[in-house]
Full PDB file with SEQRES, HELIX, SHEET, SSBOND, CRYST1, ORIGX, SCALE, CONECT and MASTER records, all heavy atoms in Angstrom:
SEQRES   1 A   34  ARG ARG GLU SER TYR ARG ALA ILE ARG GLU ARG LEU ASN          
SEQRES   2 A   34  PHE ALA VAL GLU ARG THR LEU ALA ALA ILE ASP SER LEU          
SEQRES   3 A   34  SER GLU ARG GLU LEU LEU GLU PRO                              
HELIX    1 AA1 TYR A    5  SER A   25  1                                  21    
HELIX    2 AA2 GLU A   28  LEU A   32  1                                   5    
CRYST1    1.000    1.000    1.000  90.00  90.00  90.00 P 1           1          
ORIGX1      1.000000  0.000000  0.000000        0.00000                         
ORIGX2      0.000000  1.000000  0.000000        0.00000                         
ORIGX3      0.000000  0.000000  1.000000        0.00000                         
SCALE1      1.000000  0.000000  0.000000        0.00000                         
SCALE2      0.000000  1.000000  0.000000        0.00000                         
SCALE3      0.000000  0.000000  1.000000        0.00000                         
ATOM      1  N   ARG A   1       0.809  -1.236   0.000  1.00  0.00           N  
ATOM      2  CA  ARG A   1       0.000   0.000   0.000  1.00  0.00           C  
ATOM      3  C   ARG A   1       0.837   1.279   0.000  1.00  0.00           C  
ATOM      4  O   ARG A   1       0.478   2.256  -0.633  1.00  0.00           O  
ATOM      5  CB  ARG A   1      -0.948   0.032   1.196  1.00  0.00           C  
ATOM      6  CG  ARG A   1      -2.078  -0.955   1.123  1.00  0.00           C  
ATOM      7  CD  ARG A   1      -3.167  -0.496   0.202  1.00  0.00           C  
ATOM      8  NE  ARG A   1      -4.222  -1.497   0.213  1.00  0.00           N  
ATOM      9  CZ  ARG A   1      -5.175  -1.564  -0.658  1.00  0.00           C  
ATOM     10  NH1 ARG A   1      -5.251  -0.689  -1.616  1.00  0.00           N  
ATOM     11  NH2 ARG A   1      -6.081  -2.505  -0.601  1.00  0.00           N  
ATOM     12  N   ARG A   2       1.960   1.275   0.710  1.00  0.00           N  
ATOM     13  CA  ARG A   2       2.778   2.495   0.832  1.00  0.00           C  
ATOM     14  C   ARG A   2       3.791   2.643  -0.295  1.00  0.00           C  
ATOM     15  O   ARG A   2       4.452   3.659  -0.389  1.00  0.00           O  
ATOM     16  CB  ARG A   2       3.483   2.512   2.178  1.00  0.00           C  
ATOM     17  CG  ARG A   2       2.512   2.709   3.307  1.00  0.00           C  
ATOM     18  CD  ARG A   2       3.221   2.992   4.592  1.00  0.00           C  
ATOM     19  NE  ARG A   2       2.216   3.273   5.614  1.00  0.00           N  
ATOM     20  CZ  ARG A   2       2.364   2.968   6.866  1.00  0.00           C  
ATOM     21  NH1 ARG A   2       3.467   2.395   7.291  1.00  0.00           N  
ATOM     22  NH2 ARG A   2       1.407   3.249   7.730  1.00  0.00           N  
ATOM     23  N   GLU A   3       3.911   1.615  -1.123  1.00  0.00           N  
ATOM     24  CA  GLU A   3       4.831   1.696  -2.257  1.00  0.00           C  
ATOM     25  C   GLU A   3       4.223   2.556  -3.356  1.00  0.00           C  
ATOM     26  O   GLU A   3       3.016   2.512  -3.593  1.00  0.00           O  
ATOM     27  CB  GLU A   3       5.076   0.302  -2.840  1.00  0.00           C  
ATOM     28  CG  GLU A   3       6.247  -0.431  -2.273  1.00  0.00           C  
ATOM     29  CD  GLU A   3       6.486  -1.724  -3.021  1.00  0.00           C  
ATOM     30  OE1 GLU A   3       5.769  -2.696  -2.731  1.00  0.00           O  
ATOM     31  OE2 GLU A   3       7.378  -1.765  -3.886  1.00  0.00           O  
ATOM     32  N   SER A   4       5.057   3.268  -4.050  1.00  0.00           N  
ATOM     33  CA  SER A   4       4.572   4.067  -5.170  1.00  0.00           C  
ATOM     34  C   SER A   4       4.307   3.161  -6.374  1.00  0.00           C  
ATOM     35  O   SER A   4       4.862   2.055  -6.477  1.00  0.00           O  
ATOM     36  CB  SER A   4       5.600   5.134  -5.554  1.00  0.00           C  
ATOM     37  OG  SER A   4       6.741   4.522  -6.147  1.00  0.00           O  
ATOM     38  N   TYR A   5       3.495   3.661  -7.261  1.00  0.00           N  
ATOM     39  CA  TYR A   5       3.210   2.949  -8.508  1.00  0.00           C  
ATOM     40  C   TYR A   5       4.514   2.699  -9.258  1.00  0.00           C  
ATOM     41  O   TYR A   5       4.761   1.596  -9.751  1.00  0.00           O  
ATOM     42  CB  TYR A   5       2.241   3.802  -9.335  1.00  0.00           C  
ATOM     43  CG  TYR A   5       1.940   3.294 -10.721  1.00  0.00           C  
ATOM     44  CD1 TYR A   5       1.194   2.140 -10.908  1.00  0.00           C  
ATOM     45  CD2 TYR A   5       2.371   3.992 -11.843  1.00  0.00           C  
ATOM     46  CE1 TYR A   5       0.890   1.686 -12.190  1.00  0.00           C  
ATOM     47  CE2 TYR A   5       2.065   3.558 -13.128  1.00  0.00           C  
ATOM     48  CZ  TYR A   5       1.328   2.406 -13.290  1.00  0.00           C  
ATOM     49  OH  TYR A   5       1.017   1.957 -14.552  1.00  0.00           O  
ATOM     50  N   ARG A   6       5.361   3.699  -9.305  1.00  0.00           N  
ATOM     51  CA  ARG A   6       6.648   3.580  -9.989  1.00  0.00           C  
ATOM     52  C   ARG A   6       7.508   2.481  -9.354  1.00  0.00           C  
ATOM     53  O   ARG A   6       8.110   1.669 -10.057  1.00  0.00           O  
ATOM     54  CB  ARG A   6       7.372   4.912  -9.966  1.00  0.00           C  
ATOM     55  CG  ARG A   6       8.687   4.884 -10.675  1.00  0.00           C  
ATOM     56  CD  ARG A   6       9.338   6.232 -10.672  1.00  0.00           C  
ATOM     57  NE  ARG A   6      10.645   6.150 -11.308  1.00  0.00           N  
ATOM     58  CZ  ARG A   6      11.502   7.096 -11.319  1.00  0.00           C  
ATOM     59  NH1 ARG A   6      11.229   8.244 -10.737  1.00  0.00           N  
ATOM     60  NH2 ARG A   6      12.655   6.957 -11.912  1.00  0.00           N  
ATOM     61  N   ALA A   7       7.568   2.449  -8.039  1.00  0.00           N  
ATOM     62  CA  ALA A   7       8.371   1.435  -7.341  1.00  0.00           C  
ATOM     63  C   ALA A   7       7.844   0.031  -7.625  1.00  0.00           C  
ATOM     64  O   ALA A   7       8.631  -0.905  -7.808  1.00  0.00           O  
ATOM     65  CB  ALA A   7       8.387   1.708  -5.845  1.00  0.00           C  
ATOM     66  N   ILE A   8       6.539  -0.114  -7.672  1.00  0.00           N  
ATOM     67  CA  ILE A   8       5.957  -1.429  -7.953  1.00  0.00           C  
ATOM     68  C   ILE A   8       6.262  -1.849  -9.384  1.00  0.00           C  
ATOM     69  O   ILE A   8       6.607  -3.006  -9.635  1.00  0.00           O  
ATOM     70  CB  ILE A   8       4.443  -1.443  -7.649  1.00  0.00           C  
ATOM     71  CG1 ILE A   8       4.245  -1.352  -6.130  1.00  0.00           C  
ATOM     72  CG2 ILE A   8       3.777  -2.688  -8.231  1.00  0.00           C  
ATOM     73  CD1 ILE A   8       2.822  -1.164  -5.700  1.00  0.00           C  
ATOM     74  N   ARG A   9       6.184  -0.918 -10.310  1.00  0.00           N  
ATOM     75  CA  ARG A   9       6.532  -1.246 -11.705  1.00  0.00           C  
ATOM     76  C   ARG A   9       7.996  -1.636 -11.807  1.00  0.00           C  
ATOM     77  O   ARG A   9       8.344  -2.577 -12.528  1.00  0.00           O  
ATOM     78  CB  ARG A   9       6.223  -0.079 -12.631  1.00  0.00           C  
ATOM     79  CG  ARG A   9       4.726   0.039 -12.870  1.00  0.00           C  
ATOM     80  CD  ARG A   9       4.339   0.734 -14.110  1.00  0.00           C  
ATOM     81  NE  ARG A   9       4.935   0.202 -15.319  1.00  0.00           N  
ATOM     82  CZ  ARG A   9       4.995   0.889 -16.458  1.00  0.00           C  
ATOM     83  NH1 ARG A   9       4.502   2.110 -16.524  1.00  0.00           N  
ATOM     84  NH2 ARG A   9       5.543   0.361 -17.531  1.00  0.00           N  
ATOM     85  N   GLU A  10       8.858  -0.940 -11.085  1.00  0.00           N  
ATOM     86  CA  GLU A  10      10.278  -1.287 -11.093  1.00  0.00           C  
ATOM     87  C   GLU A  10      10.497  -2.675 -10.491  1.00  0.00           C  
ATOM     88  O   GLU A  10      11.301  -3.461 -11.001  1.00  0.00           O  
ATOM     89  CB  GLU A  10      11.094  -0.244 -10.329  1.00  0.00           C  
ATOM     90  CG  GLU A  10      11.225   1.066 -11.071  1.00  0.00           C  
ATOM     91  CD  GLU A  10      11.877   2.174 -10.240  1.00  0.00           C  
ATOM     92  OE1 GLU A  10      12.316   1.923  -9.091  1.00  0.00           O  
ATOM     93  OE2 GLU A  10      11.940   3.309 -10.768  1.00  0.00           O  
ATOM     94  N   ARG A  11       9.777  -2.969  -9.431  1.00  0.00           N  
ATOM     95  CA  ARG A  11       9.878  -4.289  -8.803  1.00  0.00           C  
ATOM     96  C   ARG A  11       9.411  -5.386  -9.764  1.00  0.00           C  
ATOM     97  O   ARG A  11      10.032  -6.449  -9.865  1.00  0.00           O  
ATOM     98  CB  ARG A  11       9.055  -4.304  -7.510  1.00  0.00           C  
ATOM     99  CG  ARG A  11       9.266  -5.547  -6.681  1.00  0.00           C  
ATOM    100  CD  ARG A  11       8.882  -5.361  -5.229  1.00  0.00           C  
ATOM    101  NE  ARG A  11       7.615  -4.745  -4.963  1.00  0.00           N  
ATOM    102  CZ  ARG A  11       6.480  -5.418  -4.751  1.00  0.00           C  
ATOM    103  NH1 ARG A  11       6.458  -6.731  -4.774  1.00  0.00           N  
ATOM    104  NH2 ARG A  11       5.363  -4.763  -4.492  1.00  0.00           N  
ATOM    105  N   LEU A  12       8.336  -5.124 -10.495  1.00  0.00           N  
ATOM    106  CA  LEU A  12       7.849  -6.092 -11.474  1.00  0.00           C  
ATOM    107  C   LEU A  12       8.868  -6.263 -12.603  1.00  0.00           C  
ATOM    108  O   LEU A  12       9.156  -7.391 -13.019  1.00  0.00           O  
ATOM    109  CB  LEU A  12       6.486  -5.663 -12.027  1.00  0.00           C  
ATOM    110  CG  LEU A  12       5.843  -6.603 -13.044  1.00  0.00           C  
ATOM    111  CD1 LEU A  12       5.673  -8.011 -12.484  1.00  0.00           C  
ATOM    112  CD2 LEU A  12       4.506  -6.038 -13.511  1.00  0.00           C  
ATOM    113  N   ASN A  13       9.433  -5.165 -13.081  1.00  0.00           N  
ATOM    114  CA  ASN A  13      10.458  -5.261 -14.131  1.00  0.00           C  
ATOM    115  C   ASN A  13      11.648  -6.085 -13.655  1.00  0.00           C  
ATOM    116  O   ASN A  13      12.156  -6.934 -14.393  1.00  0.00           O  
ATOM    117  CB  ASN A  13      10.938  -3.868 -14.555  1.00  0.00           C  
ATOM    118  CG  ASN A  13       9.953  -3.160 -15.454  1.00  0.00           C  
ATOM    119  OD1 ASN A  13       9.326  -3.773 -16.299  1.00  0.00           O  
ATOM    120  ND2 ASN A  13       9.820  -1.867 -15.272  1.00  0.00           N  
ATOM    121  N   PHE A  14      12.092  -5.844 -12.437  1.00  0.00           N  
ATOM    122  CA  PHE A  14      13.215  -6.610 -11.878  1.00  0.00           C  
ATOM    123  C   PHE A  14      12.858  -8.093 -11.767  1.00  0.00           C  
ATOM    124  O   PHE A  14      13.665  -8.964 -12.077  1.00  0.00           O  
ATOM    125  CB  PHE A  14      13.629  -6.055 -10.515  1.00  0.00           C  
ATOM    126  CG  PHE A  14      14.752  -6.828  -9.886  1.00  0.00           C  
ATOM    127  CD1 PHE A  14      16.047  -6.695 -10.358  1.00  0.00           C  
ATOM    128  CD2 PHE A  14      14.510  -7.704  -8.843  1.00  0.00           C  
ATOM    129  CE1 PHE A  14      17.085  -7.432  -9.799  1.00  0.00           C  
ATOM    130  CE2 PHE A  14      15.534  -8.445  -8.274  1.00  0.00           C  
ATOM    131  CZ  PHE A  14      16.834  -8.310  -8.752  1.00  0.00           C  
ATOM    132  N   ALA A  15      11.631  -8.372 -11.347  1.00  0.00           N  
ATOM    133  CA  ALA A  15      11.189  -9.767 -11.208  1.00  0.00           C  
ATOM    134  C   ALA A  15      11.187 -10.467 -12.563  1.00  0.00           C  
ATOM    135  O   ALA A  15      11.574 -11.640 -12.662  1.00  0.00           O  
ATOM    136  CB  ALA A  15       9.807  -9.820 -10.558  1.00  0.00           C  
ATOM    137  N   VAL A  16      10.773  -9.774 -13.603  1.00  0.00           N  
ATOM    138  CA  VAL A  16      10.775 -10.355 -14.945  1.00  0.00           C  
ATOM    139  C   VAL A  16      12.210 -10.613 -15.398  1.00  0.00           C  
ATOM    140  O   VAL A  16      12.515 -11.688 -15.927  1.00  0.00           O  
ATOM    141  CB  VAL A  16      10.014  -9.459 -15.944  1.00  0.00           C  
ATOM    142  CG1 VAL A  16      10.249  -9.907 -17.384  1.00  0.00           C  
ATOM    143  CG2 VAL A  16       8.529  -9.462 -15.621  1.00  0.00           C  
ATOM    144  N   GLU A  17      13.113  -9.666 -15.170  1.00  0.00           N  
ATOM    145  CA  GLU A  17      14.519  -9.866 -15.528  1.00  0.00           C  
ATOM    146  C   GLU A  17      15.093 -11.066 -14.772  1.00  0.00           C  
ATOM    147  O   GLU A  17      15.824 -11.886 -15.348  1.00  0.00           O  
ATOM    148  CB  GLU A  17      15.330  -8.609 -15.207  1.00  0.00           C  
ATOM    149  CG  GLU A  17      15.040  -7.445 -16.119  1.00  0.00           C  
ATOM    150  CD  GLU A  17      15.716  -6.163 -15.662  1.00  0.00           C  
ATOM    151  OE1 GLU A  17      16.658  -6.216 -14.832  1.00  0.00           O  
ATOM    152  OE2 GLU A  17      15.302  -5.089 -16.147  1.00  0.00           O  
ATOM    153  N   ARG A  18      14.766 -11.156 -13.501  1.00  0.00           N  
ATOM    154  CA  ARG A  18      15.240 -12.276 -12.676  1.00  0.00           C  
ATOM    155  C   ARG A  18      14.681 -13.608 -13.190  1.00  0.00           C  
ATOM    156  O   ARG A  18      15.384 -14.612 -13.205  1.00  0.00           O  
ATOM    157  CB  ARG A  18      14.799 -12.018 -11.228  1.00  0.00           C  
ATOM    158  CG  ARG A  18      15.385 -12.964 -10.237  1.00  0.00           C  
ATOM    159  CD  ARG A  18      15.057 -12.523  -8.815  1.00  0.00           C  
ATOM    160  NE  ARG A  18      15.327 -13.629  -7.923  1.00  0.00           N  
ATOM    161  CZ  ARG A  18      14.501 -14.089  -7.010  1.00  0.00           C  
ATOM    162  NH1 ARG A  18      13.324 -13.525  -6.808  1.00  0.00           N  
ATOM    163  NH2 ARG A  18      14.838 -15.113  -6.248  1.00  0.00           N  
ATOM    164  N   THR A  19      13.428 -13.597 -13.632  1.00  0.00           N  
ATOM    165  CA  THR A  19      12.819 -14.809 -14.171  1.00  0.00           C  
ATOM    166  C   THR A  19      13.499 -15.228 -15.471  1.00  0.00           C  
ATOM    167  O   THR A  19      13.790 -16.414 -15.665  1.00  0.00           O  
ATOM    168  CB  THR A  19      11.309 -14.606 -14.401  1.00  0.00           C  
ATOM    169  OG1 THR A  19      10.715 -14.172 -13.182  1.00  0.00           O  
ATOM    170  CG2 THR A  19      10.648 -15.878 -14.868  1.00  0.00           C  
ATOM    171  N   LEU A  20      13.774 -14.276 -16.339  1.00  0.00           N  
ATOM    172  CA  LEU A  20      14.461 -14.602 -17.595  1.00  0.00           C  
ATOM    173  C   LEU A  20      15.860 -15.156 -17.313  1.00  0.00           C  
ATOM    174  O   LEU A  20      16.297 -16.108 -17.970  1.00  0.00           O  
ATOM    175  CB  LEU A  20      14.523 -13.369 -18.500  1.00  0.00           C  
ATOM    176  CG  LEU A  20      13.178 -12.934 -19.076  1.00  0.00           C  
ATOM    177  CD1 LEU A  20      13.284 -11.564 -19.731  1.00  0.00           C  
ATOM    178  CD2 LEU A  20      12.639 -13.974 -20.052  1.00  0.00           C  
ATOM    179  N   ALA A  21      16.544 -14.608 -16.321  1.00  0.00           N  
ATOM    180  CA  ALA A  21      17.865 -15.130 -15.943  1.00  0.00           C  
ATOM    181  C   ALA A  21      17.735 -16.555 -15.394  1.00  0.00           C  
ATOM    182  O   ALA A  21      18.574 -17.421 -15.685  1.00  0.00           O  
ATOM    183  CB  ALA A  21      18.528 -14.208 -14.915  1.00  0.00           C  
ATOM    184  N   ALA A  22      16.692 -16.805 -14.623  1.00  0.00           N  
ATOM    185  CA  ALA A  22      16.471 -18.154 -14.086  1.00  0.00           C  
ATOM    186  C   ALA A  22      16.197 -19.144 -15.210  1.00  0.00           C  
ATOM    187  O   ALA A  22      16.738 -20.259 -15.209  1.00  0.00           O  
ATOM    188  CB  ALA A  22      15.316 -18.155 -13.087  1.00  0.00           C  
ATOM    189  N   ILE A  23      15.391 -18.742 -16.168  1.00  0.00           N  
ATOM    190  CA  ILE A  23      15.107 -19.609 -17.321  1.00  0.00           C  
ATOM    191  C   ILE A  23      16.411 -19.944 -18.037  1.00  0.00           C  
ATOM    192  O   ILE A  23      16.681 -21.091 -18.379  1.00  0.00           O  
ATOM    193  CB  ILE A  23      14.100 -18.944 -18.286  1.00  0.00           C  
ATOM    194  CG1 ILE A  23      12.730 -18.821 -17.628  1.00  0.00           C  
ATOM    195  CG2 ILE A  23      14.013 -19.712 -19.607  1.00  0.00           C  
ATOM    196  CD1 ILE A  23      11.767 -17.904 -18.372  1.00  0.00           C  
ATOM    197  N   ASP A  24      17.240 -18.925 -18.237  1.00  0.00           N  
ATOM    198  CA  ASP A  24      18.507 -19.113 -18.926  1.00  0.00           C  
ATOM    199  C   ASP A  24      19.439 -20.053 -18.163  1.00  0.00           C  
ATOM    200  O   ASP A  24      20.197 -20.809 -18.763  1.00  0.00           O  
ATOM    201  CB  ASP A  24      19.184 -17.754 -19.141  1.00  0.00           C  
ATOM    202  CG  ASP A  24      20.382 -17.844 -20.046  1.00  0.00           C  
ATOM    203  OD1 ASP A  24      20.261 -18.431 -21.146  1.00  0.00           O  
ATOM    204  OD2 ASP A  24      21.456 -17.343 -19.652  1.00  0.00           O  
ATOM    205  N   SER A  25      19.369 -20.030 -16.839  1.00  0.00           N  
ATOM    206  CA  SER A  25      20.272 -20.841 -16.018  1.00  0.00           C  
ATOM    207  C   SER A  25      19.866 -22.314 -15.930  1.00  0.00           C  
ATOM    208  O   SER A  25      20.672 -23.153 -15.538  1.00  0.00           O  
ATOM    209  CB  SER A  25      20.362 -20.265 -14.605  1.00  0.00           C  
ATOM    210  OG  SER A  25      19.186 -20.559 -13.872  1.00  0.00           O  
ATOM    211  N   LEU A  26      18.630 -22.620 -16.286  1.00  0.00           N  
ATOM    212  CA  LEU A  26      18.138 -23.997 -16.190  1.00  0.00           C  
ATOM    213  C   LEU A  26      18.527 -24.809 -17.421  1.00  0.00           C  
ATOM    214  O   LEU A  26      18.484 -24.296 -18.548  1.00  0.00           O  
ATOM    215  CB  LEU A  26      16.619 -24.011 -16.038  1.00  0.00           C  
ATOM    216  CG  LEU A  26      16.066 -23.440 -14.739  1.00  0.00           C  
ATOM    217  CD1 LEU A  26      14.559 -23.210 -14.855  1.00  0.00           C  
ATOM    218  CD2 LEU A  26      16.379 -24.355 -13.566  1.00  0.00           C  
ATOM    219  N   SER A  27      18.862 -26.051 -17.200  1.00  0.00           N  
ATOM    220  CA  SER A  27      19.094 -26.951 -18.338  1.00  0.00           C  
ATOM    221  C   SER A  27      17.745 -27.236 -19.001  1.00  0.00           C  
ATOM    222  O   SER A  27      16.688 -26.986 -18.411  1.00  0.00           O  
ATOM    223  CB  SER A  27      19.729 -28.256 -17.855  1.00  0.00           C  
ATOM    224  OG  SER A  27      18.792 -29.006 -17.106  1.00  0.00           O  
ATOM    225  N   GLU A  28      17.807 -27.787 -20.207  1.00  0.00           N  
ATOM    226  CA  GLU A  28      16.561 -28.164 -20.894  1.00  0.00           C  
ATOM    227  C   GLU A  28      15.764 -29.136 -20.029  1.00  0.00           C  
ATOM    228  O   GLU A  28      14.552 -29.027 -19.918  1.00  0.00           O  
ATOM    229  CB  GLU A  28      16.859 -28.793 -22.257  1.00  0.00           C  
ATOM    230  CG  GLU A  28      17.449 -27.832 -23.272  1.00  0.00           C  
ATOM    231  CD  GLU A  28      16.525 -26.692 -23.640  1.00  0.00           C  
ATOM    232  OE1 GLU A  28      15.366 -26.940 -24.020  1.00  0.00           O  
ATOM    233  OE2 GLU A  28      16.969 -25.535 -23.541  1.00  0.00           O  
ATOM    234  N   ARG A  29      16.464 -30.072 -19.436  1.00  0.00           N  
ATOM    235  CA  ARG A  29      15.815 -31.077 -18.591  1.00  0.00           C  
ATOM    236  C   ARG A  29      15.144 -30.417 -17.392  1.00  0.00           C  
ATOM    237  O   ARG A  29      13.982 -30.695 -17.097  1.00  0.00           O  
ATOM    238  CB  ARG A  29      16.855 -32.107 -18.141  1.00  0.00           C  
ATOM    239  CG  ARG A  29      16.293 -33.231 -17.321  1.00  0.00           C  
ATOM    240  CD  ARG A  29      17.381 -34.296 -17.038  1.00  0.00           C  
ATOM    241  NE  ARG A  29      16.837 -35.324 -16.184  1.00  0.00           N  
ATOM    242  CZ  ARG A  29      16.934 -35.332 -14.858  1.00  0.00           C  
ATOM    243  NH1 ARG A  29      17.589 -34.373 -14.235  1.00  0.00           N  
ATOM    244  NH2 ARG A  29      16.386 -36.303 -14.156  1.00  0.00           N  
ATOM    245  N   GLU A  30      15.857 -29.537 -16.683  1.00  0.00           N  
ATOM    246  CA  GLU A  30      15.298 -28.866 -15.509  1.00  0.00           C  
ATOM    247  C   GLU A  30      14.082 -28.024 -15.881  1.00  0.00           C  
ATOM    248  O   GLU A  30      13.126 -27.942 -15.120  1.00  0.00           O  
ATOM    249  CB  GLU A  30      16.341 -27.957 -14.851  1.00  0.00           C  
ATOM    250  CG  GLU A  30      17.452 -28.689 -14.160  1.00  0.00           C  
ATOM    251  CD  GLU A  30      18.556 -27.761 -13.715  1.00  0.00           C  
ATOM    252  OE1 GLU A  30      18.922 -26.819 -14.463  1.00  0.00           O  
ATOM    253  OE2 GLU A  30      19.069 -27.970 -12.599  1.00  0.00           O  
ATOM    254  N   LEU A  31      14.125 -27.412 -17.032  1.00  0.00           N  
ATOM    255  CA  LEU A  31      13.056 -26.518 -17.460  1.00  0.00           C  
ATOM    256  C   LEU A  31      11.829 -27.252 -17.999  1.00  0.00           C  
ATOM    257  O   LEU A  31      10.700 -26.871 -17.697  1.00  0.00           O  
ATOM    258  CB  LEU A  31      13.583 -25.559 -18.531  1.00  0.00           C  
ATOM    259  CG  LEU A  31      12.647 -24.469 -19.019  1.00  0.00           C  
ATOM    260  CD1 LEU A  31      12.321 -23.489 -17.901  1.00  0.00           C  
ATOM    261  CD2 LEU A  31      13.274 -23.719 -20.198  1.00  0.00           C  
ATOM    262  N   LEU A  32      12.044 -28.316 -18.738  1.00  0.00           N  
ATOM    263  CA  LEU A  32      10.950 -28.885 -19.533  1.00  0.00           C  
ATOM    264  C   LEU A  32      10.445 -30.260 -19.102  1.00  0.00           C  
ATOM    265  O   LEU A  32       9.376 -30.680 -19.534  1.00  0.00           O  
ATOM    266  CB  LEU A  32      11.368 -28.943 -21.004  1.00  0.00           C  
ATOM    267  CG  LEU A  32      11.700 -27.571 -21.626  1.00  0.00           C  
ATOM    268  CD1 LEU A  32      12.337 -27.748 -22.986  1.00  0.00           C  
ATOM    269  CD2 LEU A  32      10.473 -26.683 -21.684  1.00  0.00           C  
ATOM    270  N   GLU A  33      11.189 -30.960 -18.247  1.00  0.00           N  
ATOM    271  CA  GLU A  33      10.746 -32.293 -17.847  1.00  0.00           C  
ATOM    272  C   GLU A  33      10.007 -32.243 -16.517  1.00  0.00           C  
ATOM    273  O   GLU A  33      10.466 -31.603 -15.572  1.00  0.00           O  
ATOM    274  CB  GLU A  33      11.940 -33.248 -17.725  1.00  0.00           C  
ATOM    275  CG  GLU A  33      12.520 -33.638 -19.062  1.00  0.00           C  
ATOM    276  CD  GLU A  33      13.637 -34.647 -18.926  1.00  0.00           C  
ATOM    277  OE1 GLU A  33      13.656 -35.417 -17.932  1.00  0.00           O  
ATOM    278  OE2 GLU A  33      14.503 -34.658 -19.819  1.00  0.00           O  
ATOM    279  N   PRO A  34       8.863 -32.924 -16.428  1.00  0.00           N  
ATOM    280  CA  PRO A  34       8.143 -32.990 -15.159  1.00  0.00           C  
ATOM    281  C   PRO A  34       8.933 -33.796 -14.130  1.00  0.00           C  
ATOM    282  O   PRO A  34       9.713 -34.677 -14.479  1.00  0.00           O  
ATOM    283  CB  PRO A  34       6.843 -33.714 -15.501  1.00  0.00           C  
ATOM    284  CG  PRO A  34       6.820 -33.894 -16.966  1.00  0.00           C  
ATOM    285  CD  PRO A  34       8.169 -33.621 -17.501  1.00  0.00           C  
TER     286      PRO A  34                                                      
MASTER        0    0    0    2    0    0    0    6  285    1    0    3          
END                                                                             
């Protein structure tokens, strides 16, 4: 509630960047096999 709209958007952008880095760090097996 006390975070600014801008701060939340920045946090979301960072989370997306972190997710893309995580995807990149996973092997095909880790990413795609159940």
